[in-house]
Amino acid sequence: VELPAVGSRLEVNGTAGRLTARGNDVRVLSPVDGTVVGTCGEGAAFTLRVDPGGPLDLRHLLCGAEVRAWVLRELERLQRALGPSQLGAALADGGELVADVGAALPRDLYDALLGDMLLEP
C-alpha cells in the first residue's frame, strides 16, 4: 500500500494511493477533494484522513439503496467475467470457496480482470 504524504492535495477521482498485488499496481481513487491530514497503514488495513477545506460535496457519491444496487451489479459483472469457462464449477454447481480470487486465476485472466473491473491497463 502506498499512501500520499500528509499535506498532499487530492482531487475527486484522482489518485489517492496505490495497491500492489501480484506485480500489479492499482490506483485507489479519491472520493473527495481535500488535503491529506493523516495516514495510517498496517498490514491489509489503511486509513487516509482528508480535510476538504470547506463544504464537503458528496452529491457524486452513492448512498442508501444506490450502494446496494451498485454492489450487486459489480458482483454480477465479476461473476460473468469469471464464468465456468474460466474457472470451472461455481459454488452453486459444486465449486469451492477460495480465499483469494486473484491467486486462483491464471495470470492473463487476472490481468484482464484488473483492466476491466478496475480500469487499469
C-alpha atoms as a PDB file:
ATOM      1  CA  VAL A   1       0.000   0.000   0.000  1.00  0.00           C
ATOM      2  CA  GLU A   2       1.323   3.418  -0.963  1.00  0.00           C
ATOM      3  CA  LEU A   3      -0.425   6.388   0.657  1.00  0.00           C
ATOM      4  CA  PRO A   4       0.059  10.068  -0.199  1.00  0.00           C
ATOM      5  CA  ALA A   5       2.116  12.236   2.145  1.00  0.00           C
ATOM      6  CA  VAL A   6       0.433  14.463   4.707  1.00  0.00           C
ATOM      7  CA  GLY A   7      -0.134  17.824   3.025  1.00  0.00           C
ATOM      8  CA  SER A   8      -0.802  16.295  -0.404  1.00  0.00           C
ATOM      9  CA  ARG A   9      -3.764  17.713  -2.306  1.00  0.00           C
ATOM     10  CA  LEU A  10      -6.366  15.195  -3.559  1.00  0.00           C
ATOM     11  CA  GLU A  11      -8.979  15.700  -6.245  1.00  0.00           C
ATOM     12  CA  VAL A  12     -12.180  13.729  -6.796  1.00  0.00           C
ATOM     13  CA  ASN A  13     -11.380  10.684  -8.973  1.00  0.00           C
ATOM     14  CA  GLY A  14      -7.671  11.480  -8.810  1.00  0.00           C
ATOM     15  CA  THR A  15      -5.180   9.020  -7.366  1.00  0.00           C
ATOM     16  CA  ALA A  16      -5.391   8.807  -3.563  1.00  0.00           C
ATOM     17  CA  GLY A  17      -2.985   5.892  -3.219  1.00  0.00           C
ATOM     18  CA  ARG A  18      -1.787   2.679  -4.817  1.00  0.00           C
ATOM     19  CA  LEU A  19      -2.080  -1.002  -4.003  1.00  0.00           C
ATOM     20  CA  THR A  20       0.384  -3.539  -5.352  1.00  0.00           C
ATOM     21  CA  ALA A  21      -0.503  -7.218  -5.514  1.00  0.00           C
ATOM     22  CA  ARG A  22       0.990  -9.980  -7.636  1.00  0.00           C
ATOM     23  CA  GLY A  23       3.086  -7.429  -9.538  1.00  0.00           C
ATOM     24  CA  ASN A  24       0.111  -5.249 -10.459  1.00  0.00           C
ATOM     25  CA  ASP A  25      -0.111  -1.630  -9.412  1.00  0.00           C
ATOM     26  CA  VAL A  26      -3.723  -0.500  -8.878  1.00  0.00           C
ATOM     27  CA  ARG A  27      -4.780   3.080  -8.244  1.00  0.00           C
ATOM     28  CA  VAL A  28      -7.178   3.896  -5.408  1.00  0.00           C
ATOM     29  CA  LEU A  29      -9.279   6.888  -6.409  1.00  0.00           C
ATOM     30  CA  SER A  30     -10.196   9.750  -4.086  1.00  0.00           C
ATOM     31  CA  PRO A  31     -13.921  10.161  -3.425  1.00  0.00           C
ATOM     32  CA  VAL A  32     -13.430  13.791  -2.278  1.00  0.00           C
ATOM     33  CA  ASP A  33     -11.350  16.918  -2.865  1.00  0.00           C
ATOM     34  CA  GLY A  34      -9.114  17.973   0.000  1.00  0.00           C
ATOM     35  CA  THR A  35      -5.756  17.934   1.726  1.00  0.00           C
ATOM     36  CA  VAL A  36      -4.350  14.824   3.385  1.00  0.00           C
ATOM     37  CA  VAL A  37      -4.076  15.480   7.134  1.00  0.00           C
ATOM     38  CA  GLY A  38      -3.251  11.957   8.289  1.00  0.00           C
ATOM     39  CA  THR A  39      -2.478   8.447   7.130  1.00  0.00           C
ATOM     40  CA  CYS A  40      -2.168   5.098   8.816  1.00  0.00           C
ATOM     41  CA  GLY A  41      -1.346   1.764   7.248  1.00  0.00           C
ATOM     42  CA  GLU A  42      -0.765  -1.626   8.827  1.00  0.00           C
ATOM     43  CA  GLY A  43      -0.979  -4.963   7.080  1.00  0.00           C
ATOM     44  CA  ALA A  44      -4.069  -5.073   4.907  1.00  0.00           C
ATOM     45  CA  ALA A  45      -5.755  -2.106   6.616  1.00  0.00           C
ATOM     46  CA  PHE A  46      -5.115   1.537   5.886  1.00  0.00           C
ATOM     47  CA  THR A  47      -6.798   4.880   6.508  1.00  0.00           C
ATOM     48  CA  LEU A  48      -6.489   8.260   4.909  1.00  0.00           C
ATOM     49  CA  ARG A  49      -7.817  11.385   6.639  1.00  0.00           C
ATOM     50  CA  VAL A  50      -8.691  14.286   4.348  1.00  0.00           C
ATOM     51  CA  ASP A  51      -9.669  17.862   5.211  1.00  0.00           C
ATOM     52  CA  PRO A  52     -11.985  19.159   2.486  1.00  0.00           C
ATOM     53  CA  GLY A  53     -11.107  22.762   3.422  1.00  0.00           C
ATOM     54  CA  GLY A  54     -14.710  23.857   3.094  1.00  0.00           C
ATOM     55  CA  PRO A  55     -18.144  22.420   2.433  1.00  0.00           C
ATOM     56  CA  LEU A  56     -17.940  18.753   1.500  1.00  0.00           C
ATOM     57  CA  ASP A  57     -19.629  17.970  -1.828  1.00  0.00           C
ATOM     58  CA  LEU A  58     -20.918  14.396  -1.717  1.00  0.00           C
ATOM     59  CA  ARG A  59     -23.516  14.657  -4.497  1.00  0.00           C
ATOM     60  CA  HIS A  60     -21.453  12.421  -6.817  1.00  0.00           C
ATOM     61  CA  LEU A  61     -21.294   9.579  -4.254  1.00  0.00           C
ATOM     62  CA  LEU A  62     -23.835   6.791  -3.978  1.00  0.00           C
ATOM     63  CA  CYS A  63     -25.865   6.452  -0.797  1.00  0.00           C
ATOM     64  CA  GLY A  64     -28.506   4.204   0.702  1.00  0.00           C
ATOM     65  CA  ALA A  65     -30.154   1.778  -1.713  1.00  0.00           C
ATOM     66  CA  GLU A  66     -27.933   3.047  -4.561  1.00  0.00           C
ATOM     67  CA  VAL A  67     -24.913   1.429  -2.888  1.00  0.00           C
ATOM     68  CA  ARG A  68     -26.572  -1.982  -2.628  1.00  0.00           C
ATOM     69  CA  ALA A  69     -27.682  -1.864  -6.283  1.00  0.00           C
ATOM     70  CA  TRP A  70     -24.170  -0.882  -7.421  1.00  0.00           C
ATOM     71  CA  VAL A  71     -22.500  -3.643  -5.380  1.00  0.00           C
ATOM     72  CA  LEU A  72     -24.911  -6.253  -6.757  1.00  0.00           C
ATOM     73  CA  ARG A  73     -24.259  -5.081 -10.345  1.00  0.00           C
ATOM     74  CA  GLU A  74     -20.486  -5.233  -9.804  1.00  0.00           C
ATOM     75  CA  LEU A  75     -20.714  -8.728  -8.281  1.00  0.00           C
ATOM     76  CA  GLU A  76     -22.777  -9.870 -11.239  1.00  0.00           C
ATOM     77  CA  ARG A  77     -20.230  -8.362 -13.635  1.00  0.00           C
ATOM     78  CA  LEU A  78     -17.424 -10.164 -11.789  1.00  0.00           C
ATOM     79  CA  GLN A  79     -19.334 -13.460 -11.891  1.00  0.00           C
ATOM     80  CA  ARG A  80     -19.839 -13.090 -15.654  1.00  0.00           C
ATOM     81  CA  ALA A  81     -16.131 -12.359 -16.119  1.00  0.00           C
ATOM     82  CA  LEU A  82     -15.257 -15.442 -14.039  1.00  0.00           C
ATOM     83  CA  GLY A  83     -17.819 -17.757 -15.619  1.00  0.00           C
ATOM     84  CA  PRO A  84     -17.481 -21.540 -15.818  1.00  0.00           C
ATOM     85  CA  SER A  85     -15.408 -21.323 -18.999  1.00  0.00           C
ATOM     86  CA  GLN A  86     -12.671 -19.587 -16.975  1.00  0.00           C
ATOM     87  CA  LEU A  87     -12.664 -21.328 -13.596  1.00  0.00           C
ATOM     88  CA  GLY A  88     -14.759 -24.456 -13.911  1.00  0.00           C
ATOM     89  CA  ALA A  89     -17.596 -25.240 -11.500  1.00  0.00           C
ATOM     90  CA  ALA A  90     -19.125 -22.424  -9.492  1.00  0.00           C
ATOM     91  CA  LEU A  91     -20.217 -22.845  -5.883  1.00  0.00           C
ATOM     92  CA  ALA A  92     -23.856 -23.333  -6.913  1.00  0.00           C
ATOM     93  CA  ASP A  93     -22.873 -26.284  -9.096  1.00  0.00           C
ATOM     94  CA  GLY A  94     -20.191 -27.918  -6.989  1.00  0.00           C
ATOM     95  CA  GLY A  95     -17.373 -25.392  -6.866  1.00  0.00           C
ATOM     96  CA  GLU A  96     -15.470 -24.387  -3.727  1.00  0.00           C
ATOM     97  CA  LEU A  97     -14.893 -21.077  -1.979  1.00  0.00           C
ATOM     98  CA  VAL A  98     -11.433 -19.606  -2.431  1.00  0.00           C
ATOM     99  CA  ALA A  99      -9.795 -17.167  -0.022  1.00  0.00           C
ATOM    100  CA  ASP A 100      -8.146 -15.125  -2.793  1.00  0.00           C
ATOM    101  CA  VAL A 101      -9.839 -14.984  -6.196  1.00  0.00           C
ATOM    102  CA  GLY A 102      -6.814 -13.282  -7.765  1.00  0.00           C
ATOM    103  CA  ALA A 103      -4.484 -16.078  -6.683  1.00  0.00           C
ATOM    104  CA  ALA A 104      -6.849 -18.696  -8.137  1.00  0.00           C
ATOM    105  CA  LEU A 105      -6.832 -17.095 -11.596  1.00  0.00           C
ATOM    106  CA  PRO A 106      -4.384 -17.675 -14.425  1.00  0.00           C
ATOM    107  CA  ARG A 107      -2.130 -14.612 -14.836  1.00  0.00           C
ATOM    108  CA  ASP A 108      -3.611 -13.498 -18.188  1.00  0.00           C
ATOM    109  CA  LEU A 109      -7.175 -13.651 -16.820  1.00  0.00           C
ATOM    110  CA  TYR A 110      -6.118 -11.805 -13.661  1.00  0.00           C
ATOM    111  CA  ASP A 111      -4.568  -9.013 -15.753  1.00  0.00           C
ATOM    112  CA  ALA A 112      -7.662  -8.789 -17.988  1.00  0.00           C
ATOM    113  CA  LEU A 113      -9.935  -8.716 -14.938  1.00  0.00           C
ATOM    114  CA  LEU A 114      -7.964  -5.834 -13.385  1.00  0.00           C
ATOM    115  CA  GLY A 115      -8.237  -3.924 -16.624  1.00  0.00           C
ATOM    116  CA  ASP A 116     -11.973  -4.467 -16.897  1.00  0.00           C
ATOM    117  CA  MET A 117     -13.097  -4.183 -13.273  1.00  0.00           C
ATOM    118  CA  LEU A 118     -10.630  -1.552 -12.027  1.00  0.00           C
ATOM    119  CA  LEU A 119      -9.955   0.261 -15.295  1.00  0.00           C
ATOM    120  CA  GLU A 120      -6.237  -0.463 -15.022  1.00  0.00           C
ATOM    121  CA  PRO A 121      -4.108  -1.199 -18.119  1.00  0.00           C
END
